[in-house]
mmCIF file of all heavy atoms, coordinates in Angstrom:
data_MODEL
# 
_entry.id   MODEL 
# 
loop_
_atom_site.group_PDB 
_atom_site.id 
_atom_site.type_symbol 
_atom_site.label_atom_id 
_atom_site.label_alt_id 
_atom_site.label_comp_id 
_atom_site.label_asym_id 
_atom_site.label_entity_id 
_atom_site.label_seq_id 
_atom_site.pdbx_PDB_ins_code 
_atom_site.Cartn_x 
_atom_site.Cartn_y 
_atom_site.Cartn_z 
_atom_site.occupancy 
_atom_site.B_iso_or_equiv 
_atom_site.pdbx_formal_charge 
_atom_site.auth_seq_id 
_atom_site.auth_comp_id 
_atom_site.auth_asym_id 
_atom_site.auth_atom_id 
_atom_site.pdbx_PDB_model_num 
ATOM 1   N N   . GLU A 1 1  ? 8.486   -5.243 1.252  1.00 0.00 ? 1  GLU A N   1 
ATOM 2   C CA  . GLU A 1 1  ? 8.341   -4.113 0.330  1.00 0.00 ? 1  GLU A CA  1 
ATOM 3   C C   . GLU A 1 1  ? 6.895   -4.004 -0.131 1.00 0.00 ? 1  GLU A C   1 
ATOM 4   O O   . GLU A 1 1  ? 6.303   -4.978 -0.612 1.00 0.00 ? 1  GLU A O   1 
ATOM 5   C CB  . GLU A 1 1  ? 9.249   -4.304 -0.876 1.00 0.00 ? 1  GLU A CB  1 
ATOM 6   C CG  . GLU A 1 1  ? 10.727  -4.331 -0.538 1.00 0.00 ? 1  GLU A CG  1 
ATOM 7   C CD  . GLU A 1 1  ? 11.574  -4.706 -1.733 1.00 0.00 ? 1  GLU A CD  1 
ATOM 8   O OE1 . GLU A 1 1  ? 11.977  -3.799 -2.475 1.00 0.00 ? 1  GLU A OE1 1 
ATOM 9   O OE2 . GLU A 1 1  ? 11.826  -5.918 -1.917 1.00 0.00 ? 1  GLU A OE2 1 
ATOM 10  N N   . VAL A 1 2  ? 6.346   -2.828 0.026  1.00 0.00 ? 2  VAL A N   1 
ATOM 11  C CA  . VAL A 1 2  ? 5.012   -2.501 -0.484 1.00 0.00 ? 2  VAL A CA  1 
ATOM 12  C C   . VAL A 1 2  ? 5.226   -1.656 -1.730 1.00 0.00 ? 2  VAL A C   1 
ATOM 13  O O   . VAL A 1 2  ? 5.735   -0.535 -1.654 1.00 0.00 ? 2  VAL A O   1 
ATOM 14  C CB  . VAL A 1 2  ? 4.195   -1.736 0.572  1.00 0.00 ? 2  VAL A CB  1 
ATOM 15  C CG1 . VAL A 1 2  ? 2.841   -1.310 0.009  1.00 0.00 ? 2  VAL A CG1 1 
ATOM 16  C CG2 . VAL A 1 2  ? 4.027   -2.576 1.833  1.00 0.00 ? 2  VAL A CG2 1 
ATOM 17  N N   . LYS A 1 3  ? 4.866   -2.202 -2.899 1.00 0.00 ? 3  LYS A N   1 
ATOM 18  C CA  . LYS A 1 3  ? 5.194   -1.554 -4.162 1.00 0.00 ? 3  LYS A CA  1 
ATOM 19  C C   . LYS A 1 3  ? 3.937   -1.171 -4.930 1.00 0.00 ? 3  LYS A C   1 
ATOM 20  O O   . LYS A 1 3  ? 3.168   -2.032 -5.361 1.00 0.00 ? 3  LYS A O   1 
ATOM 21  C CB  . LYS A 1 3  ? 6.047   -2.490 -5.029 1.00 0.00 ? 3  LYS A CB  1 
ATOM 22  C CG  . LYS A 1 3  ? 7.447   -2.738 -4.480 1.00 0.00 ? 3  LYS A CG  1 
ATOM 23  C CD  . LYS A 1 3  ? 8.289   -3.496 -5.496 1.00 0.00 ? 3  LYS A CD  1 
ATOM 24  C CE  . LYS A 1 3  ? 9.742   -3.565 -5.081 1.00 0.00 ? 3  LYS A CE  1 
ATOM 25  N NZ  . LYS A 1 3  ? 10.587  -4.230 -6.104 1.00 0.00 ? 3  LYS A NZ  1 
ATOM 26  N N   . ASN A 1 4  ? 3.712   0.135  -5.032 1.00 0.00 ? 4  ASN A N   1 
ATOM 27  C CA  . ASN A 1 4  ? 2.603   0.683  -5.848 1.00 0.00 ? 4  ASN A CA  1 
ATOM 28  C C   . ASN A 1 4  ? 1.271   0.016  -5.519 1.00 0.00 ? 4  ASN A C   1 
ATOM 29  O O   . ASN A 1 4  ? 0.486   -0.319 -6.409 1.00 0.00 ? 4  ASN A O   1 
ATOM 30  C CB  . ASN A 1 4  ? 2.916   0.517  -7.335 1.00 0.00 ? 4  ASN A CB  1 
ATOM 31  C CG  . ASN A 1 4  ? 4.251   1.123  -7.715 1.00 0.00 ? 4  ASN A CG  1 
ATOM 32  O OD1 . ASN A 1 4  ? 5.166   0.410  -8.131 1.00 0.00 ? 4  ASN A OD1 1 
ATOM 33  N ND2 . ASN A 1 4  ? 4.389   2.429  -7.564 1.00 0.00 ? 4  ASN A ND2 1 
ATOM 34  N N   . VAL A 1 5  ? 1.005   -0.137 -4.243 1.00 0.00 ? 5  VAL A N   1 
ATOM 35  C CA  . VAL A 1 5  ? -0.198  -0.842 -3.794 1.00 0.00 ? 5  VAL A CA  1 
ATOM 36  C C   . VAL A 1 5  ? -1.393  0.098  -3.708 1.00 0.00 ? 5  VAL A C   1 
ATOM 37  O O   . VAL A 1 5  ? -1.327  1.168  -3.098 1.00 0.00 ? 5  VAL A O   1 
ATOM 38  C CB  . VAL A 1 5  ? 0.051   -1.530 -2.438 1.00 0.00 ? 5  VAL A CB  1 
ATOM 39  C CG1 . VAL A 1 5  ? -1.269  -1.954 -1.791 1.00 0.00 ? 5  VAL A CG1 1 
ATOM 40  C CG2 . VAL A 1 5  ? 0.955   -2.745 -2.619 1.00 0.00 ? 5  VAL A CG2 1 
ATOM 41  N N   . SER A 1 6  ? -2.482  -0.318 -4.331 1.00 0.00 ? 6  SER A N   1 
ATOM 42  C CA  . SER A 1 6  ? -3.772  0.353  -4.181 1.00 0.00 ? 6  SER A CA  1 
ATOM 43  C C   . SER A 1 6  ? -4.807  -0.671 -3.729 1.00 0.00 ? 6  SER A C   1 
ATOM 44  O O   . SER A 1 6  ? -4.679  -1.869 -4.016 1.00 0.00 ? 6  SER A O   1 
ATOM 45  C CB  . SER A 1 6  ? -4.223  0.982  -5.504 1.00 0.00 ? 6  SER A CB  1 
ATOM 46  O OG  . SER A 1 6  ? -3.341  2.007  -5.907 1.00 0.00 ? 6  SER A OG  1 
ATOM 47  N N   . LYS A 1 7  ? -5.815  -0.190 -3.020 1.00 0.00 ? 7  LYS A N   1 
ATOM 48  C CA  . LYS A 1 7  ? -6.885  -1.069 -2.580 1.00 0.00 ? 7  LYS A CA  1 
ATOM 49  C C   . LYS A 1 7  ? -8.222  -0.369 -2.749 1.00 0.00 ? 7  LYS A C   1 
ATOM 50  O O   . LYS A 1 7  ? -8.429  0.745  -2.254 1.00 0.00 ? 7  LYS A O   1 
ATOM 51  C CB  . LYS A 1 7  ? -6.705  -1.482 -1.113 1.00 0.00 ? 7  LYS A CB  1 
ATOM 52  C CG  . LYS A 1 7  ? -7.766  -2.440 -0.614 1.00 0.00 ? 7  LYS A CG  1 
ATOM 53  C CD  . LYS A 1 7  ? -7.762  -3.755 -1.378 1.00 0.00 ? 7  LYS A CD  1 
ATOM 54  C CE  . LYS A 1 7  ? -8.814  -4.717 -0.866 1.00 0.00 ? 7  LYS A CE  1 
ATOM 55  N NZ  . LYS A 1 7  ? -8.856  -5.966 -1.669 1.00 0.00 ? 7  LYS A NZ  1 
ATOM 56  N N   . LYS A 1 8  ? -9.128  -1.044 -3.471 1.00 0.00 ? 8  LYS A N   1 
ATOM 57  C CA  . LYS A 1 8  ? -10.481 -0.533 -3.668 1.00 0.00 ? 8  LYS A CA  1 
ATOM 58  C C   . LYS A 1 8  ? -11.493 -1.529 -3.129 1.00 0.00 ? 8  LYS A C   1 
ATOM 59  O O   . LYS A 1 8  ? -11.299 -2.739 -3.216 1.00 0.00 ? 8  LYS A O   1 
ATOM 60  C CB  . LYS A 1 8  ? -10.753 -0.306 -5.155 1.00 0.00 ? 8  LYS A CB  1 
ATOM 61  C CG  . LYS A 1 8  ? -9.928  0.786  -5.806 1.00 0.00 ? 8  LYS A CG  1 
ATOM 62  C CD  . LYS A 1 8  ? -10.321 0.955  -7.260 1.00 0.00 ? 8  LYS A CD  1 
ATOM 63  C CE  . LYS A 1 8  ? -9.514  2.057  -7.935 1.00 0.00 ? 8  LYS A CE  1 
ATOM 64  N NZ  . LYS A 1 8  ? -9.897  2.217  -9.359 1.00 0.00 ? 8  LYS A NZ  1 
ATOM 65  N N   . PHE A 1 9  ? -12.565 -1.016 -2.570 1.00 0.00 ? 9  PHE A N   1 
ATOM 66  C CA  . PHE A 1 9  ? -13.739 -1.806 -2.219 1.00 0.00 ? 9  PHE A CA  1 
ATOM 67  C C   . PHE A 1 9  ? -14.899 -1.250 -3.043 1.00 0.00 ? 9  PHE A C   1 
ATOM 68  O O   . PHE A 1 9  ? -15.358 -0.136 -2.792 1.00 0.00 ? 9  PHE A O   1 
ATOM 69  C CB  . PHE A 1 9  ? -14.037 -1.728 -0.722 1.00 0.00 ? 9  PHE A CB  1 
ATOM 70  C CG  . PHE A 1 9  ? -12.966 -2.347 0.139  1.00 0.00 ? 9  PHE A CG  1 
ATOM 71  C CD1 . PHE A 1 9  ? -11.999 -1.557 0.735  1.00 0.00 ? 9  PHE A CD1 1 
ATOM 72  C CD2 . PHE A 1 9  ? -12.926 -3.714 0.347  1.00 0.00 ? 9  PHE A CD2 1 
ATOM 73  C CE1 . PHE A 1 9  ? -11.023 -2.120 1.537  1.00 0.00 ? 9  PHE A CE1 1 
ATOM 74  C CE2 . PHE A 1 9  ? -11.948 -4.295 1.135  1.00 0.00 ? 9  PHE A CE2 1 
ATOM 75  C CZ  . PHE A 1 9  ? -10.995 -3.496 1.730  1.00 0.00 ? 9  PHE A CZ  1 
ATOM 76  N N   . LYS A 1 10 ? -15.307 -2.016 -4.063 1.00 0.00 ? 10 LYS A N   1 
ATOM 77  C CA  . LYS A 1 10 ? -16.267 -1.528 -5.051 1.00 0.00 ? 10 LYS A CA  1 
ATOM 78  C C   . LYS A 1 10 ? -15.698 -0.264 -5.696 1.00 0.00 ? 10 LYS A C   1 
ATOM 79  O O   . LYS A 1 10 ? -14.636 -0.297 -6.288 1.00 0.00 ? 10 LYS A O   1 
ATOM 80  C CB  . LYS A 1 10 ? -17.647 -1.331 -4.423 1.00 0.00 ? 10 LYS A CB  1 
ATOM 81  C CG  . LYS A 1 10 ? -18.257 -2.639 -3.912 1.00 0.00 ? 10 LYS A CG  1 
ATOM 82  C CD  . LYS A 1 10 ? -19.650 -2.440 -3.382 1.00 0.00 ? 10 LYS A CD  1 
ATOM 83  C CE  . LYS A 1 10 ? -20.247 -3.774 -2.928 1.00 0.00 ? 10 LYS A CE  1 
ATOM 84  N NZ  . LYS A 1 10 ? -21.609 -3.627 -2.391 1.00 0.00 ? 10 LYS A NZ  1 
ATOM 85  N N   . ASN A 1 11 ? -16.368 0.857  -5.558 1.00 0.00 ? 11 ASN A N   1 
ATOM 86  C CA  . ASN A 1 11 ? -15.882 2.085  -6.194 1.00 0.00 ? 11 ASN A CA  1 
ATOM 87  C C   . ASN A 1 11 ? -15.125 2.997  -5.233 1.00 0.00 ? 11 ASN A C   1 
ATOM 88  O O   . ASN A 1 11 ? -14.783 4.130  -5.583 1.00 0.00 ? 11 ASN A O   1 
ATOM 89  C CB  . ASN A 1 11 ? -17.053 2.858  -6.816 1.00 0.00 ? 11 ASN A CB  1 
ATOM 90  C CG  . ASN A 1 11 ? -17.683 2.107  -7.970 1.00 0.00 ? 11 ASN A CG  1 
ATOM 91  O OD1 . ASN A 1 11 ? -16.988 1.462  -8.750 1.00 0.00 ? 11 ASN A OD1 1 
ATOM 92  N ND2 . ASN A 1 11 ? -19.003 2.186  -8.079 1.00 0.00 ? 11 ASN A ND2 1 
ATOM 93  N N   . ASN A 1 12 ? -14.874 2.500  -4.031 1.00 0.00 ? 12 ASN A N   1 
ATOM 94  C CA  . ASN A 1 12 ? -14.215 3.309  -3.010 1.00 0.00 ? 12 ASN A CA  1 
ATOM 95  C C   . ASN A 1 12 ? -12.725 2.977  -2.950 1.00 0.00 ? 12 ASN A C   1 
ATOM 96  O O   . ASN A 1 12 ? -12.345 1.857  -2.600 1.00 0.00 ? 12 ASN A O   1 
ATOM 97  C CB  . ASN A 1 12 ? -14.869 3.055  -1.651 1.00 0.00 ? 12 ASN A CB  1 
ATOM 98  C CG  . ASN A 1 12 ? -14.236 3.890  -0.552 1.00 0.00 ? 12 ASN A CG  1 
ATOM 99  O OD1 . ASN A 1 12 ? -13.751 4.991  -0.803 1.00 0.00 ? 12 ASN A OD1 1 
ATOM 100 N ND2 . ASN A 1 12 ? -14.229 3.354  0.659  1.00 0.00 ? 12 ASN A ND2 1 
ATOM 101 N N   . THR A 1 13 ? -11.881 3.934  -3.280 1.00 0.00 ? 13 THR A N   1 
ATOM 102 C CA  . THR A 1 13 ? -10.439 3.743  -3.192 1.00 0.00 ? 13 THR A CA  1 
ATOM 103 C C   . THR A 1 13 ? -9.983  4.078  -1.782 1.00 0.00 ? 13 THR A C   1 
ATOM 104 O O   . THR A 1 13 ? -10.042 5.238  -1.350 1.00 0.00 ? 13 THR A O   1 
ATOM 105 C CB  . THR A 1 13 ? -9.690  4.634  -4.203 1.00 0.00 ? 13 THR A CB  1 
ATOM 106 O OG1 . THR A 1 13 ? -10.110 4.284  -5.533 1.00 0.00 ? 13 THR A OG1 1 
ATOM 107 C CG2 . THR A 1 13 ? -8.191  4.443  -4.083 1.00 0.00 ? 13 THR A CG2 1 
ATOM 108 N N   . VAL A 1 14 ? -9.526  3.065  -1.066 1.00 0.00 ? 14 VAL A N   1 
ATOM 109 C CA  . VAL A 1 14 ? -9.094  3.242  0.324  1.00 0.00 ? 14 VAL A CA  1 
ATOM 110 C C   . VAL A 1 14 ? -7.624  3.624  0.384  1.00 0.00 ? 14 VAL A C   1 
ATOM 111 O O   . VAL A 1 14 ? -7.220  4.456  1.210  1.00 0.00 ? 14 VAL A O   1 
ATOM 112 C CB  . VAL A 1 14 ? -9.353  1.950  1.124  1.00 0.00 ? 14 VAL A CB  1 
ATOM 113 C CG1 . VAL A 1 14 ? -8.891  2.113  2.574  1.00 0.00 ? 14 VAL A CG1 1 
ATOM 114 C CG2 . VAL A 1 14 ? -10.823 1.575  1.083  1.00 0.00 ? 14 VAL A CG2 1 
ATOM 115 N N   . LEU A 1 15 ? -6.800  3.020  -0.471 1.00 0.00 ? 15 LEU A N   1 
ATOM 116 C CA  . LEU A 1 15 ? -5.375  3.328  -0.544 1.00 0.00 ? 15 LEU A CA  1 
ATOM 117 C C   . LEU A 1 15 ? -4.991  3.491  -2.014 1.00 0.00 ? 15 LEU A C   1 
ATOM 118 O O   . LEU A 1 15 ? -5.446  2.725  -2.862 1.00 0.00 ? 15 LEU A O   1 
ATOM 119 C CB  . LEU A 1 15 ? -4.543  2.217  0.101  1.00 0.00 ? 15 LEU A CB  1 
ATOM 120 C CG  . LEU A 1 15 ? -4.693  2.047  1.609  1.00 0.00 ? 15 LEU A CG  1 
ATOM 121 C CD1 . LEU A 1 15 ? -4.031  0.759  2.067  1.00 0.00 ? 15 LEU A CD1 1 
ATOM 122 C CD2 . LEU A 1 15 ? -4.097  3.242  2.358  1.00 0.00 ? 15 LEU A CD2 1 
ATOM 123 N N   . SER A 1 16 ? -4.129  4.456  -2.281 1.00 0.00 ? 16 SER A N   1 
ATOM 124 C CA  . SER A 1 16 ? -3.793  4.773  -3.669 1.00 0.00 ? 16 SER A CA  1 
ATOM 125 C C   . SER A 1 16 ? -2.282  4.816  -3.867 1.00 0.00 ? 16 SER A C   1 
ATOM 126 O O   . SER A 1 16 ? -1.598  5.705  -3.344 1.00 0.00 ? 16 SER A O   1 
ATOM 127 C CB  . SER A 1 16 ? -4.405  6.131  -4.041 1.00 0.00 ? 16 SER A CB  1 
ATOM 128 O OG  . SER A 1 16 ? -4.083  6.484  -5.367 1.00 0.00 ? 16 SER A OG  1 
ATOM 129 N N   . ASP A 1 17 ? -1.758  3.806  -4.583 1.00 0.00 ? 17 ASP A N   1 
ATOM 130 C CA  . ASP A 1 17 ? -0.358  3.799  -5.034 1.00 0.00 ? 17 ASP A CA  1 
ATOM 131 C C   . ASP A 1 17 ? 0.624   4.003  -3.876 1.00 0.00 ? 17 ASP A C   1 
ATOM 132 O O   . ASP A 1 17 ? 1.434   4.927  -3.876 1.00 0.00 ? 17 ASP A O   1 
ATOM 133 C CB  . ASP A 1 17 ? -0.145  4.869  -6.107 1.00 0.00 ? 17 ASP A CB  1 
ATOM 134 C CG  . ASP A 1 17 ? 1.103   4.606  -6.936 1.00 0.00 ? 17 ASP A CG  1 
ATOM 135 O OD1 . ASP A 1 17 ? 1.494   3.432  -7.064 1.00 0.00 ? 17 ASP A OD1 1 
ATOM 136 O OD2 . ASP A 1 17 ? 1.687   5.579  -7.434 1.00 0.00 ? 17 ASP A OD2 1 
ATOM 137 N N   . ILE A 1 18 ? 0.556   3.095  -2.900 1.00 0.00 ? 18 ILE A N   1 
ATOM 138 C CA  . ILE A 1 18 ? 1.376   3.187  -1.693 1.00 0.00 ? 18 ILE A CA  1 
ATOM 139 C C   . ILE A 1 18 ? 2.710   2.483  -1.898 1.00 0.00 ? 18 ILE A C   1 
ATOM 140 O O   . ILE A 1 18 ? 2.771   1.372  -2.438 1.00 0.00 ? 18 ILE A O   1 
ATOM 141 C CB  . ILE A 1 18 ? 0.636   2.551  -0.500 1.00 0.00 ? 18 ILE A CB  1 
ATOM 142 C CG1 . ILE A 1 18 ? -0.732  3.219  -0.297 1.00 0.00 ? 18 ILE A CG1 1 
ATOM 143 C CG2 . ILE A 1 18 ? 1.473   2.644  0.776  1.00 0.00 ? 18 ILE A CG2 1 
ATOM 144 C CD1 . ILE A 1 18 ? -0.679  4.697  -0.106 1.00 0.00 ? 18 ILE A CD1 1 
ATOM 145 N N   . ASN A 1 19 ? 3.789   3.106  -1.420 1.00 0.00 ? 19 ASN A N   1 
ATOM 146 C CA  . ASN A 1 19 ? 5.122   2.499  -1.452 1.00 0.00 ? 19 ASN A CA  1 
ATOM 147 C C   . ASN A 1 19 ? 5.769   2.618  -0.077 1.00 0.00 ? 19 ASN A C   1 
ATOM 148 O O   . ASN A 1 19 ? 5.827   3.723  0.488  1.00 0.00 ? 19 ASN A O   1 
ATOM 149 C CB  . ASN A 1 19 ? 6.005   3.188  -2.492 1.00 0.00 ? 19 ASN A CB  1 
ATOM 150 C CG  . ASN A 1 19 ? 5.576   2.875  -3.912 1.00 0.00 ? 19 ASN A CG  1 
ATOM 151 O OD1 . ASN A 1 19 ? 5.925   1.853  -4.466 1.00 0.00 ? 19 ASN A OD1 1 
ATOM 152 N ND2 . ASN A 1 19 ? 4.791   3.777  -4.500 1.00 0.00 ? 19 ASN A ND2 1 
ATOM 153 N N   . MET A 1 20 ? 6.239   1.481  0.453  1.00 0.00 ? 20 MET A N   1 
ATOM 154 C CA  . MET A 1 20 ? 6.899   1.449  1.756  1.00 0.00 ? 20 MET A CA  1 
ATOM 155 C C   . MET A 1 20 ? 7.917   0.319  1.784  1.00 0.00 ? 20 MET A C   1 
ATOM 156 O O   . MET A 1 20 ? 7.799   -0.653 1.030  1.00 0.00 ? 20 MET A O   1 
ATOM 157 C CB  . MET A 1 20 ? 5.897   1.200  2.890  1.00 0.00 ? 20 MET A CB  1 
ATOM 158 C CG  . MET A 1 20 ? 4.832   2.245  3.083  1.00 0.00 ? 20 MET A CG  1 
ATOM 159 S SD  . MET A 1 20 ? 3.734   1.741  4.431  1.00 0.00 ? 20 MET A SD  1 
ATOM 160 C CE  . MET A 1 20 ? 2.633   3.132  4.509  1.00 0.00 ? 20 MET A CE  1 
ATOM 161 N N   . VAL A 1 21 ? 8.886   0.438  2.696  1.00 0.00 ? 21 VAL A N   1 
ATOM 162 C CA  . VAL A 1 21 ? 9.830   -0.643 2.943  1.00 0.00 ? 21 VAL A CA  1 
ATOM 163 C C   . VAL A 1 21 ? 9.969   -0.815 4.450  1.00 0.00 ? 21 VAL A C   1 
ATOM 164 O O   . VAL A 1 21 ? 10.105  0.166  5.194  1.00 0.00 ? 21 VAL A O   1 
ATOM 165 C CB  . VAL A 1 21 ? 11.219  -0.341 2.328  1.00 0.00 ? 21 VAL A CB  1 
ATOM 166 C CG1 . VAL A 1 21 ? 12.208  -1.446 2.682  1.00 0.00 ? 21 VAL A CG1 1 
ATOM 167 C CG2 . VAL A 1 21 ? 11.118  -0.193 0.822  1.00 0.00 ? 21 VAL A CG2 1 
ATOM 168 N N   . PHE A 1 22 ? 9.910   -2.071 4.905  1.00 0.00 ? 22 PHE A N   1 
ATOM 169 C CA  . PHE A 1 22 ? 10.077  -2.397 6.317  1.00 0.00 ? 22 PHE A CA  1 
ATOM 170 C C   . PHE A 1 22 ? 11.242  -3.370 6.449  1.00 0.00 ? 22 PHE A C   1 
ATOM 171 O O   . PHE A 1 22 ? 11.297  -4.377 5.736  1.00 0.00 ? 22 PHE A O   1 
ATOM 172 C CB  . PHE A 1 22 ? 8.817   -3.045 6.885  1.00 0.00 ? 22 PHE A CB  1 
ATOM 173 C CG  . PHE A 1 22 ? 7.551   -2.279 6.621  1.00 0.00 ? 22 PHE A CG  1 
ATOM 174 C CD1 . PHE A 1 22 ? 6.676   -2.675 5.622  1.00 0.00 ? 22 PHE A CD1 1 
ATOM 175 C CD2 . PHE A 1 22 ? 7.239   -1.142 7.353  1.00 0.00 ? 22 PHE A CD2 1 
ATOM 176 C CE1 . PHE A 1 22 ? 5.512   -1.981 5.358  1.00 0.00 ? 22 PHE A CE1 1 
ATOM 177 C CE2 . PHE A 1 22 ? 6.073   -0.430 7.095  1.00 0.00 ? 22 PHE A CE2 1 
ATOM 178 C CZ  . PHE A 1 22 ? 5.205   -0.850 6.099  1.00 0.00 ? 22 PHE A CZ  1 
ATOM 179 N N   . GLU A 1 23 ? 12.154  -3.089 7.381  1.00 0.00 ? 23 GLU A N   1 
ATOM 180 C CA  . GLU A 1 23 ? 13.325  -3.930 7.550  1.00 0.00 ? 23 GLU A CA  1 
ATOM 181 C C   . GLU A 1 23 ? 13.494  -4.340 9.006  1.00 0.00 ? 23 GLU A C   1 
ATOM 182 O O   . GLU A 1 23 ? 13.048  -3.643 9.933  1.00 0.00 ? 23 GLU A O   1 
ATOM 183 C CB  . GLU A 1 23 ? 14.571  -3.197 7.053  1.00 0.00 ? 23 GLU A CB  1 
ATOM 184 C CG  . GLU A 1 23 ? 14.549  -2.918 5.561  1.00 0.00 ? 23 GLU A CG  1 
ATOM 185 C CD  . GLU A 1 23 ? 15.818  -2.273 5.051  1.00 0.00 ? 23 GLU A CD  1 
ATOM 186 O OE1 . GLU A 1 23 ? 16.163  -1.192 5.569  1.00 0.00 ? 23 GLU A OE1 1 
ATOM 187 O OE2 . GLU A 1 23 ? 16.456  -2.848 4.153  1.00 0.00 ? 23 GLU A OE2 1 
ATOM 188 N N   . SER A 1 24 ? 14.158  -5.480 9.198  1.00 0.00 ? 24 SER A N   1 
ATOM 189 C CA  . SER A 1 24 ? 14.371  -6.034 10.534 1.00 0.00 ? 24 SER A CA  1 
ATOM 190 C C   . SER A 1 24 ? 15.074  -5.031 11.440 1.00 0.00 ? 24 SER A C   1 
ATOM 191 O O   . SER A 1 24 ? 15.922  -4.248 10.997 1.00 0.00 ? 24 SER A O   1 
ATOM 192 C CB  . SER A 1 24 ? 15.201  -7.312 10.442 1.00 0.00 ? 24 SER A CB  1 
ATOM 193 O OG  . SER A 1 24 ? 14.544  -8.305 9.693  1.00 0.00 ? 24 SER A OG  1 
ATOM 194 N N   . GLY A 1 25 ? 14.694  -5.080 12.724 1.00 0.00 ? 25 GLY A N   1 
ATOM 195 C CA  . GLY A 1 25 ? 15.347  -4.230 13.716 1.00 0.00 ? 25 GLY A CA  1 
ATOM 196 C C   . GLY A 1 25 ? 14.819  -2.823 13.784 1.00 0.00 ? 25 GLY A C   1 
ATOM 197 O O   . GLY A 1 25 ? 15.499  -1.925 14.302 1.00 0.00 ? 25 GLY A O   1 
ATOM 198 N N   . HIS A 1 26 ? 13.584  -2.612 13.272 1.00 0.00 ? 26 HIS A N   1 
ATOM 199 C CA  . HIS A 1 26 ? 12.999  -1.269 13.304 1.00 0.00 ? 26 HIS A CA  1 
ATOM 200 C C   . HIS A 1 26 ? 11.525  -1.335 13.703 1.00 0.00 ? 26 HIS A C   1 
ATOM 201 O O   . HIS A 1 26 ? 10.841  -2.340 13.467 1.00 0.00 ? 26 HIS A O   1 
ATOM 202 C CB  . HIS A 1 26 ? 13.111  -0.593 11.932 1.00 0.00 ? 26 HIS A CB  1 
ATOM 203 C CG  . HIS A 1 26 ? 14.518  -0.281 11.543 1.00 0.00 ? 26 HIS A CG  1 
ATOM 204 N ND1 . HIS A 1 26 ? 15.266  -1.108 10.747 1.00 0.00 ? 26 HIS A ND1 1 
ATOM 205 C CD2 . HIS A 1 26 ? 15.326  0.762  11.858 1.00 0.00 ? 26 HIS A CD2 1 
ATOM 206 C CE1 . HIS A 1 26 ? 16.480  -0.597 10.572 1.00 0.00 ? 26 HIS A CE1 1 
ATOM 207 N NE2 . HIS A 1 26 ? 16.535  0.532  11.239 1.00 0.00 ? 26 HIS A NE2 1 
# 
């Protein structure tokens, strides 16, 4: 589960508030 994930490098926001779910067999 990816829950409300953001990623910044210094002042650069690369990903903003990401939500995903990955399950076996897909």
